[in-house]
Protein backbone atom coordinates (compact mmCIF):
# COMPACT_ATOMS: atom_id res chain seq x y z
CA MET A 1 25.04 7.84 6.91
CA GLN A 2 24.84 5.27 4.16
CA VAL A 3 24.48 7.02 0.79
CA ILE A 4 22.89 5.28 -2.19
CA GLU A 5 23.04 7.17 -5.48
CA ASN A 6 21.20 6.49 -8.70
CA LEU A 7 22.81 8.17 -11.69
CA LYS A 8 19.84 7.49 -13.99
CA VAL A 9 17.65 9.96 -12.10
CA LYS A 10 20.54 11.83 -10.44
CA GLU A 11 19.12 11.24 -6.97
CA LYS A 12 20.66 10.20 -3.65
CA VAL A 13 19.10 8.69 -0.57
CA TYR A 14 20.86 9.07 2.79
CA ILE A 15 20.00 6.28 5.24
CA GLU A 16 20.76 6.18 8.95
CA LYS A 17 19.68 3.55 11.48
CA LEU A 18 19.65 5.25 14.88
CA GLU A 19 20.55 3.65 18.22
CA ASN A 20 16.87 3.25 19.09
CA GLY A 21 16.35 1.26 15.86
CA LEU A 22 14.56 3.99 13.85
CA THR A 23 15.51 4.08 10.16
CA VAL A 24 15.70 7.61 8.75
CA MET A 25 15.83 8.15 4.99
CA ILE A 26 16.55 11.61 3.58
CA ILE A 27 16.25 12.42 -0.14
CA PRO A 28 17.56 15.96 -0.82
CA LYS A 29 15.93 17.91 -3.66
CA LYS A 30 17.97 21.07 -4.12
CA GLY A 31 16.03 24.16 -5.17
CA ILE A 32 12.60 22.54 -4.63
CA GLN A 33 10.21 24.61 -2.50
CA LYS A 34 7.97 21.74 -1.37
CA LYS A 35 8.98 19.65 1.62
CA TYR A 36 7.50 16.31 2.61
CA MET A 37 7.72 14.21 5.76
CA ILE A 38 6.24 10.77 6.30
CA TRP A 39 6.68 8.60 9.38
CA GLY A 40 5.48 5.02 9.12
CA THR A 41 5.28 1.90 11.23
CA HIS A 42 5.50 -1.60 9.77
CA TYR A 43 2.05 -2.34 11.15
CA GLY A 44 -1.10 -2.66 9.11
CA SER A 45 -4.38 -4.55 9.10
CA ASN A 46 -2.61 -7.90 8.46
CA GLU A 47 -1.25 -8.00 12.02
CA SER A 48 -3.89 -9.33 14.39
CA SER A 49 -1.88 -12.24 15.86
CA PHE A 50 1.65 -11.68 17.16
CA ILE A 51 4.08 -12.38 19.97
CA VAL A 52 5.29 -9.24 21.75
CA PRO A 53 9.10 -9.04 22.17
CA GLY A 54 9.98 -10.47 25.56
CA GLU A 55 6.74 -12.47 25.85
CA ASP A 56 6.01 -16.13 25.06
CA GLU A 57 2.23 -16.05 24.71
CA LEU A 58 0.46 -15.29 21.45
CA THR A 59 -1.55 -12.04 21.47
CA THR A 60 -4.64 -11.91 19.24
CA VAL A 61 -6.54 -8.65 18.80
CA PRO A 62 -9.75 -7.75 16.90
CA ASN A 63 -9.55 -6.78 13.23
CA GLY A 64 -9.29 -3.03 12.65
CA VAL A 65 -6.93 -2.07 15.49
CA ALA A 66 -4.19 -0.60 13.24
CA HIS A 67 -6.71 1.74 11.57
CA PHE A 68 -8.35 2.58 14.94
CA LEU A 69 -4.91 3.56 16.31
CA GLU A 70 -4.28 5.79 13.29
CA HIS A 71 -7.50 7.68 14.06
CA LYS A 72 -6.80 7.99 17.79
CA LEU A 73 -3.21 9.26 17.65
CA PHE A 74 -4.34 12.72 16.50
CA GLU A 75 -6.26 13.28 19.75
CA GLN A 76 -4.14 14.95 22.44
CA GLU A 77 -4.46 15.02 26.22
CA ASN A 78 -4.84 18.83 26.21
CA GLY A 79 -8.03 18.51 24.12
CA THR A 80 -6.53 19.54 20.80
CA ASN A 81 -6.54 17.51 17.59
CA SER A 82 -3.15 17.45 15.90
CA LEU A 83 -4.70 17.37 12.42
CA ASP A 84 -6.35 20.73 13.19
CA VAL A 85 -3.06 22.11 14.54
CA LEU A 86 -1.21 21.06 11.38
CA THR A 87 -3.90 22.54 9.14
CA SER A 88 -3.69 25.86 11.04
CA LEU A 89 0.03 25.95 10.19
CA GLY A 90 -0.89 25.90 6.50
CA VAL A 91 0.42 22.40 5.80
CA GLU A 92 -1.38 19.53 4.08
CA ALA A 93 -1.45 16.72 6.65
CA ASN A 94 -2.91 13.24 6.55
CA ALA A 95 -2.50 9.64 7.69
CA TYR A 96 -3.41 6.26 6.21
CA THR A 97 -3.46 2.55 7.04
CA THR A 98 -2.73 -0.23 4.55
CA ASN A 99 -2.46 -4.00 4.89
CA ASP A 100 1.21 -3.79 5.92
CA HIS A 101 1.91 -0.29 7.25
CA THR A 102 0.47 2.85 8.84
CA ALA A 103 1.83 6.31 8.02
CA TYR A 104 1.54 9.92 9.23
CA LEU A 105 2.56 12.69 6.86
CA PHE A 106 2.51 16.31 5.83
CA GLU A 107 3.56 18.42 2.85
CA CYS A 108 4.36 22.14 2.94
CA THR A 109 6.39 25.04 1.62
CA ASP A 110 6.48 26.99 4.94
CA ASN A 111 6.41 26.16 8.66
CA PHE A 112 8.16 22.83 8.10
CA TYR A 113 9.84 22.62 11.53
CA GLU A 114 6.70 23.68 13.42
CA ALA A 115 4.79 20.94 11.59
CA MET A 116 7.58 18.47 12.31
CA ASP A 117 7.30 19.36 16.03
CA GLU A 118 3.59 18.57 15.99
CA LEU A 119 3.81 15.35 13.97
CA MET A 120 6.65 13.89 16.03
CA ASP A 121 4.89 14.92 19.24
CA TYR A 122 1.53 13.28 18.54
CA VAL A 123 2.99 10.07 17.06
CA GLN A 124 5.10 9.58 20.21
CA HIS A 125 2.44 10.52 22.79
CA PRO A 126 -0.71 8.37 22.55
CA TYR A 127 -3.66 9.35 24.71
CA PHE A 128 -6.44 6.79 25.09
CA THR A 129 -9.27 6.82 27.61
CA ASP A 130 -12.39 4.68 27.96
CA GLU A 131 -14.46 7.67 26.87
CA ASN A 132 -12.51 8.72 23.78
CA VAL A 133 -12.17 5.11 22.59
CA GLU A 134 -15.94 4.58 22.92
CA LYS A 135 -16.63 7.81 21.03
CA GLU A 136 -14.29 6.73 18.20
CA LYS A 137 -16.21 3.48 17.74
CA GLY A 138 -19.21 5.50 16.61
CA ILE A 139 -17.13 7.52 14.14
CA ILE A 140 -15.42 4.46 12.64
CA GLY A 141 -18.75 2.58 12.63
CA GLN A 142 -20.15 5.32 10.37
CA GLU A 143 -17.10 4.95 8.10
CA ILE A 144 -17.63 1.18 7.89
CA MET A 145 -21.29 1.61 6.93
CA MET A 146 -20.38 4.21 4.32
CA TYR A 147 -17.86 1.85 2.69
CA ASP A 148 -20.37 -1.00 2.77
CA ASP A 149 -22.44 1.04 0.28
CA TYR A 150 -19.49 2.22 -1.79
CA PRO A 151 -19.52 0.18 -5.05
CA GLU A 152 -15.82 0.68 -5.93
CA TRP A 153 -14.78 -0.64 -2.51
CA ARG A 154 -17.24 -3.55 -2.51
CA VAL A 155 -16.17 -4.84 -5.94
CA TYR A 156 -12.54 -4.84 -4.75
CA LEU A 157 -13.18 -6.43 -1.34
CA ASN A 158 -15.43 -9.09 -2.87
CA ALA A 159 -12.59 -10.01 -5.26
CA MET A 160 -10.29 -10.44 -2.24
CA GLN A 161 -12.82 -12.70 -0.58
CA ALA A 162 -13.18 -14.76 -3.76
CA MET A 163 -9.40 -15.24 -3.95
CA TYR A 164 -8.41 -15.82 -0.31
CA HIS A 165 -9.60 -18.36 2.24
CA ASN A 166 -7.77 -17.18 5.39
CA ASN A 167 -5.22 -14.52 4.45
CA PRO A 168 -5.94 -11.25 6.34
CA VAL A 169 -5.77 -9.26 3.09
CA LYS A 170 -9.38 -10.39 2.53
CA ILE A 171 -10.49 -8.47 5.64
CA ASP A 172 -11.55 -4.83 5.44
CA ILE A 173 -8.72 -2.63 6.79
CA VAL A 174 -11.16 -0.77 9.07
CA GLY A 175 -12.56 -4.01 10.55
CA THR A 176 -16.29 -4.58 11.04
CA ILE A 177 -18.88 -3.12 13.41
CA GLU A 178 -18.55 -6.32 15.48
CA THR A 179 -14.73 -6.33 15.68
CA ILE A 180 -14.30 -2.66 16.57
CA ARG A 181 -16.80 -3.09 19.44
CA LYS A 182 -14.18 -5.33 21.12
CA ILE A 183 -11.40 -2.71 20.99
CA ASP A 184 -10.54 -0.97 24.28
CA LYS A 185 -7.76 1.33 25.50
CA GLU A 186 -5.69 -1.62 26.86
CA ILE A 187 -5.63 -3.26 23.39
CA LEU A 188 -4.68 0.07 21.78
CA TYR A 189 -1.83 0.71 24.24
CA LYS A 190 -0.51 -2.85 23.83
CA CYS A 191 -0.49 -2.60 20.02
CA TYR A 192 0.97 0.90 20.15
CA HIS A 193 3.87 -0.12 22.42
CA THR A 194 4.51 -3.23 20.33
CA PHE A 195 4.40 -1.78 16.83
CA TYR A 196 5.23 1.90 17.37
CA ASN A 197 8.65 1.10 18.78
CA PRO A 198 11.28 3.02 16.75
CA SER A 199 12.89 -0.27 15.65
CA ASN A 200 9.67 -1.08 13.76
CA MET A 201 9.40 2.40 12.21
CA THR A 202 10.84 4.31 9.27
CA MET A 203 10.87 8.04 8.54
CA VAL A 204 11.35 9.53 5.07
CA LEU A 205 12.04 13.23 4.44
CA CYS A 206 12.23 14.75 0.97
CA GLY A 207 12.98 18.39 0.11
CA ASP A 208 15.76 20.98 0.02
CA PHE A 209 17.52 19.60 3.09
CA VAL A 210 21.14 19.17 4.19
CA PRO A 211 20.97 15.48 5.27
CA GLU A 212 23.32 15.79 8.29
CA ASN A 213 21.42 18.82 9.63
CA MET A 214 18.02 17.18 9.08
CA LEU A 215 19.16 14.05 10.91
CA GLU A 216 20.02 16.19 13.96
CA GLU A 217 16.58 17.85 13.80
CA VAL A 218 14.98 14.39 13.90
CA LYS A 219 17.16 13.19 16.78
CA LYS A 220 16.40 16.13 19.05
CA ARG A 221 12.64 15.54 18.70
CA LEU A 222 12.76 11.83 19.55
CA VAL A 223 11.54 10.53 22.87
CA ASN A 224 14.12 8.41 24.67
CA THR A 225 12.95 4.88 23.77
CA LYS A 226 15.07 1.75 23.46
CA ALA A 227 14.86 -0.60 20.50
CA SER A 228 12.71 -3.66 21.13
CA GLY A 229 13.38 -7.17 19.87
CA GLU A 230 11.75 -8.77 16.85
CA ILE A 231 7.96 -8.91 16.75
CA LYS A 232 6.86 -12.43 15.78
CA ARG A 233 3.95 -12.06 13.37
CA VAL A 234 1.65 -15.05 13.05
CA TYR A 235 -0.50 -15.52 9.94
CA PRO A 236 -3.04 -18.25 9.10
CA LYS A 237 -2.11 -20.82 6.46
CA GLU A 238 -3.48 -20.03 3.02
CA PRO A 239 -4.28 -22.73 0.44
CA GLU A 240 -3.01 -22.15 -3.11
CA GLU A 241 -6.45 -22.46 -4.71
CA ILE A 242 -9.06 -19.69 -4.87
CA VAL A 243 -12.35 -19.73 -2.91
CA GLN A 244 -14.71 -19.20 -5.86
CA GLU A 245 -14.38 -17.99 -9.44
CA LYS A 246 -17.26 -15.52 -9.56
CA ILE A 247 -18.88 -13.23 -7.00
CA GLU A 248 -21.69 -10.74 -7.66
CA GLN A 249 -23.38 -8.00 -5.63
CA LYS A 250 -26.26 -5.63 -6.39
CA LEU A 251 -25.76 -1.92 -5.62
CA GLU A 252 -26.80 1.38 -7.22
CA VAL A 253 -24.39 1.92 -10.13
CA SER A 254 -24.78 3.64 -13.52
CA GLN A 255 -22.89 0.82 -15.21
CA PRO A 256 -21.56 -2.54 -13.91
CA LEU A 257 -18.21 -2.43 -12.11
CA TYR A 258 -15.79 -5.35 -12.28
CA THR A 259 -12.56 -6.52 -10.67
CA ILE A 260 -10.63 -9.36 -12.26
CA GLY A 261 -8.20 -10.87 -9.77
CA ILE A 262 -5.43 -13.42 -10.19
CA LYS A 263 -4.05 -15.07 -7.07
CA ASP A 264 -0.27 -15.48 -7.21
CA THR A 265 1.33 -17.97 -4.86
CA GLY A 266 4.87 -17.70 -6.25
CA LYS A 267 7.84 -15.73 -4.91
CA CYS A 268 7.61 -11.96 -5.37
CA ASP A 269 10.40 -9.46 -5.98
CA VAL A 270 11.16 -6.25 -7.90
CA LYS A 271 11.98 -8.04 -11.15
CA LYS A 272 8.69 -9.91 -11.11
CA HIS A 273 6.76 -6.74 -10.25
CA ILE A 274 8.24 -4.96 -13.28
CA ALA A 275 7.46 -7.93 -15.54
CA MET A 276 3.86 -7.93 -14.30
CA GLU A 277 3.46 -4.21 -15.10
CA ILE A 278 4.75 -4.76 -18.64
CA LEU A 279 2.58 -7.87 -19.12
CA LEU A 280 -0.63 -6.26 -17.90
CA ASN A 281 -0.18 -3.30 -20.22
CA LEU A 282 0.57 -5.57 -23.16
CA LEU A 283 -2.51 -7.67 -22.44
CA ILE A 284 -5.17 -5.02 -21.72
CA GLY A 285 -3.46 -1.62 -21.49
CA ARG A 286 -4.46 1.44 -23.53
CA SER A 287 -2.45 0.46 -26.62
CA SER A 288 -3.26 -3.28 -26.49
CA ASN A 289 -5.28 -5.08 -29.19
CA LEU A 290 -7.71 -6.40 -26.57
CA TYR A 291 -8.51 -2.96 -25.14
CA LYS A 292 -9.01 -1.51 -28.63
CA GLU A 293 -11.36 -4.38 -29.50
CA LEU A 294 -13.40 -4.00 -26.29
CA TYR A 295 -13.56 -0.24 -26.75
CA HIS A 296 -14.67 -0.34 -30.38
CA GLU A 297 -17.34 -2.93 -29.56
CA GLY A 298 -18.67 -0.55 -26.88
CA ILE A 299 -18.09 -3.05 -24.06
CA VAL A 300 -15.73 -0.72 -22.15
CA TYR A 301 -15.39 3.07 -22.29
CA ALA A 302 -12.08 3.51 -20.45
CA GLN A 303 -8.91 1.55 -19.79
CA PRO A 304 -9.10 -0.56 -16.62
CA SER A 305 -6.72 0.23 -13.77
CA LEU A 306 -3.99 -2.43 -13.62
CA GLU A 307 -2.15 -3.38 -10.44
CA TYR A 308 0.14 -6.05 -9.09
CA GLU A 309 0.02 -5.92 -5.29
CA PHE A 310 2.33 -7.89 -3.01
CA THR A 311 3.75 -8.10 0.51
CA ASN A 312 5.63 -10.91 2.23
CA ILE A 313 2.37 -12.86 2.77
CA TYR A 314 0.33 -12.37 -0.43
CA ALA A 315 0.47 -11.34 -4.08
CA HIS A 316 -2.22 -10.80 -6.68
CA VAL A 317 -3.14 -9.07 -9.92
CA LEU A 318 -6.09 -6.65 -9.97
CA MET A 319 -7.83 -5.24 -13.04
CA ASN A 320 -10.63 -2.80 -12.20
CA GLY A 321 -13.04 -0.99 -14.47
CA GLN A 322 -16.57 -0.43 -15.75
CA ALA A 323 -18.14 -2.43 -18.55
CA ASN A 324 -21.65 -3.11 -19.78
CA ASN A 325 -20.67 -6.79 -19.99
CA PRO A 326 -17.98 -7.70 -17.41
CA GLU A 327 -18.29 -11.43 -18.24
CA LYS A 328 -17.28 -10.66 -21.84
CA VAL A 329 -14.21 -8.70 -20.65
CA TYR A 330 -13.25 -11.64 -18.42
CA GLN A 331 -13.70 -14.20 -21.21
CA LYS A 332 -11.82 -12.09 -23.76
CA LEU A 333 -8.94 -11.60 -21.30
CA LYS A 334 -8.63 -15.36 -20.81
CA GLU A 335 -8.57 -15.83 -24.59
CA GLU A 336 -5.90 -13.11 -24.98
CA VAL A 337 -3.72 -14.76 -22.31
CA GLN A 338 -3.98 -18.03 -24.20
CA LYS A 339 -2.97 -16.29 -27.47
CA PHE A 340 0.09 -14.80 -25.78
CA LYS A 341 1.03 -18.21 -24.39
CA THR A 342 0.63 -19.87 -27.80
CA ASN A 343 2.16 -17.20 -30.07
CA GLY A 344 4.70 -15.64 -27.74
CA ILE A 345 5.19 -11.93 -27.02
CA ASN A 346 5.94 -9.53 -29.86
CA LYS A 347 9.45 -8.10 -29.32
CA SER A 348 8.74 -4.62 -30.68
CA ASP A 349 5.61 -4.32 -28.49
CA PHE A 350 7.67 -5.52 -25.54
CA ASN A 351 10.46 -2.95 -26.11
CA ARG A 352 7.93 -0.12 -26.52
CA MET A 353 6.10 -1.07 -23.33
CA LYS A 354 9.34 -1.49 -21.39
CA LYS A 355 10.34 2.08 -22.34
CA MET A 356 6.92 3.39 -21.28
CA ILE A 357 7.12 1.68 -17.88
CA TYR A 358 10.67 2.97 -17.37
CA GLY A 359 9.48 6.50 -18.20
CA GLY A 360 6.81 6.15 -15.52
CA TYR A 361 9.42 5.17 -12.95
CA VAL A 362 11.59 8.19 -13.81
CA LYS A 363 8.58 10.53 -13.63
CA GLU A 364 7.92 9.50 -10.02
CA TYR A 365 11.10 11.36 -9.02
CA ASN A 366 9.57 14.72 -10.00
CA ASP A 367 7.36 15.01 -6.92
CA VAL A 368 8.49 15.00 -3.26
CA SER A 369 5.32 13.23 -2.07
CA ASP A 370 5.61 10.45 -4.69
CA ILE A 371 9.27 9.92 -3.78
CA ALA A 372 8.75 9.77 -0.01
CA ARG A 373 5.70 7.51 -0.08
CA MET A 374 7.36 5.19 -2.58
CA PHE A 375 10.55 4.83 -0.50
CA LEU A 376 8.54 4.15 2.66
CA ALA A 377 6.21 1.52 1.14
CA ASP A 378 9.09 -0.21 -0.66
CA TYR A 379 11.28 -0.22 2.46
CA PHE A 380 8.65 -2.16 4.39
CA LYS A 381 8.77 -4.75 1.60
CA GLY A 382 12.58 -4.98 1.93
CA ILE A 383 13.13 -3.04 -1.31
CA ASN A 384 15.16 0.06 -2.19
CA SER A 385 13.07 2.06 -4.68
CA PHE A 386 16.11 2.61 -6.92
CA ASP A 387 16.04 -1.16 -7.62
CA TYR A 388 13.19 -0.65 -10.11
CA LEU A 389 15.37 1.62 -12.26
CA GLU A 390 18.19 -0.95 -12.25
CA GLU A 391 16.23 -4.20 -12.57
CA ILE A 392 14.16 -3.14 -15.59
CA GLU A 393 17.20 -3.42 -17.87
CA GLY A 394 17.43 -7.15 -17.18
CA ILE A 395 13.81 -7.93 -18.11
CA THR A 396 13.65 -10.03 -21.30
CA VAL A 397 10.84 -11.37 -23.47
CA GLU A 398 11.75 -14.88 -22.31
CA TYR A 399 11.40 -13.87 -18.64
CA LEU A 400 8.05 -12.23 -19.39
CA GLU A 401 6.77 -15.40 -21.09
CA GLN A 402 7.82 -17.45 -18.06
CA ILE A 403 5.94 -15.11 -15.68
CA LEU A 404 2.88 -15.26 -17.98
CA LYS A 405 2.94 -19.05 -17.74
CA ASP A 406 3.52 -19.09 -13.95
CA VAL A 407 0.96 -16.47 -12.88
CA PHE A 408 -1.82 -16.22 -15.48
CA LYS A 409 -3.56 -19.51 -14.73
CA GLU A 410 -7.30 -19.79 -15.30
CA GLU A 411 -7.80 -21.76 -12.10
CA LYS A 412 -6.35 -18.80 -10.11
CA MET A 413 -8.60 -16.16 -11.72
CA VAL A 414 -11.68 -14.56 -10.17
CA LEU A 415 -14.35 -12.16 -11.39
CA SER A 416 -16.11 -9.77 -9.01
CA ILE A 417 -19.08 -7.76 -10.33
CA VAL A 418 -21.23 -5.02 -8.81
CA LYS A 419 -24.33 -4.09 -10.80
CA ASN A 420 -27.94 -2.93 -10.42
């Protein structure tokens, strides 16, 4: 196995690519009682047009298939639901779908190998019938309608739709009532066999394991499947400009919700991600001048959540929060960006924030679930999670000022508001 060690956090990751193409990552945590397993496929809601390995024709499927598959995999031919089986073992089990991957997971202190048996069994044995697919449409339809009335989700999704013309990130991960109606068992099996091939999957295990022994436990539970060729993913072209600057929706809320988005069309990597985290906290984080001003004026009551999201096909900044005057927050942010561009970034503030961000990275290695989910999500982006601990040292004020200039452009900014 390849072994990558990071001396800063005194952690090692053991990586093995098996003959069938599956990548297994094991992070031993000696003396820790909790154990965590997550098995993911590099397949999320972005993938609705693709060319199956060995085929020439383009396959296009309805939006929402990746999430639909995630729901259906728990249902077994013998009538049991694997989520119920895992819960009866006393483990915390779950699954989730994002824009770029789907994952199945559990966390436990006892019954690890029994839970591993169940998880690896249901992920490798799909069971779809006309009847159970039709039944699931009703369940997911209810979920879609629930999210349609969920203000925090609407303010986010509206921001996506204000930023992006064609990119699939603007589409709800679960699809729509109309798109899920078109899903049938043949579509599910085709997408399963295309994207759930081991060569498109990664497994991460974190706990008090001996890596060589754990690798053998994984191998003996694998179905005999050969690695497939490369899946050609086809995405629509996306213009650089935004769709519209402002979008507003009326829903029942105690106070207006807002999402400020910034569309980034430049190249994304670990170094840039770190710089964006530092920049966002300097601009409107808890200790920033702007946040203190907005708080003391009674415009906001809590720090907004700050994110920089990216995959190989999109990147954007998101600032989410509640404010009695979202337009004022948006205007003040634009003014603060301009001040930073004109006056430069204060070096002592920069050094303080850099240390805070680094401390956050180190803290993530305290919890087996944080570690495993982080390594999986980063791997699908072509990143080793240790890179964040190494790259942060090379971030300078000058680099930060360049990123500020490149990304924080008024013509790329959007404001989404949900209010009564």
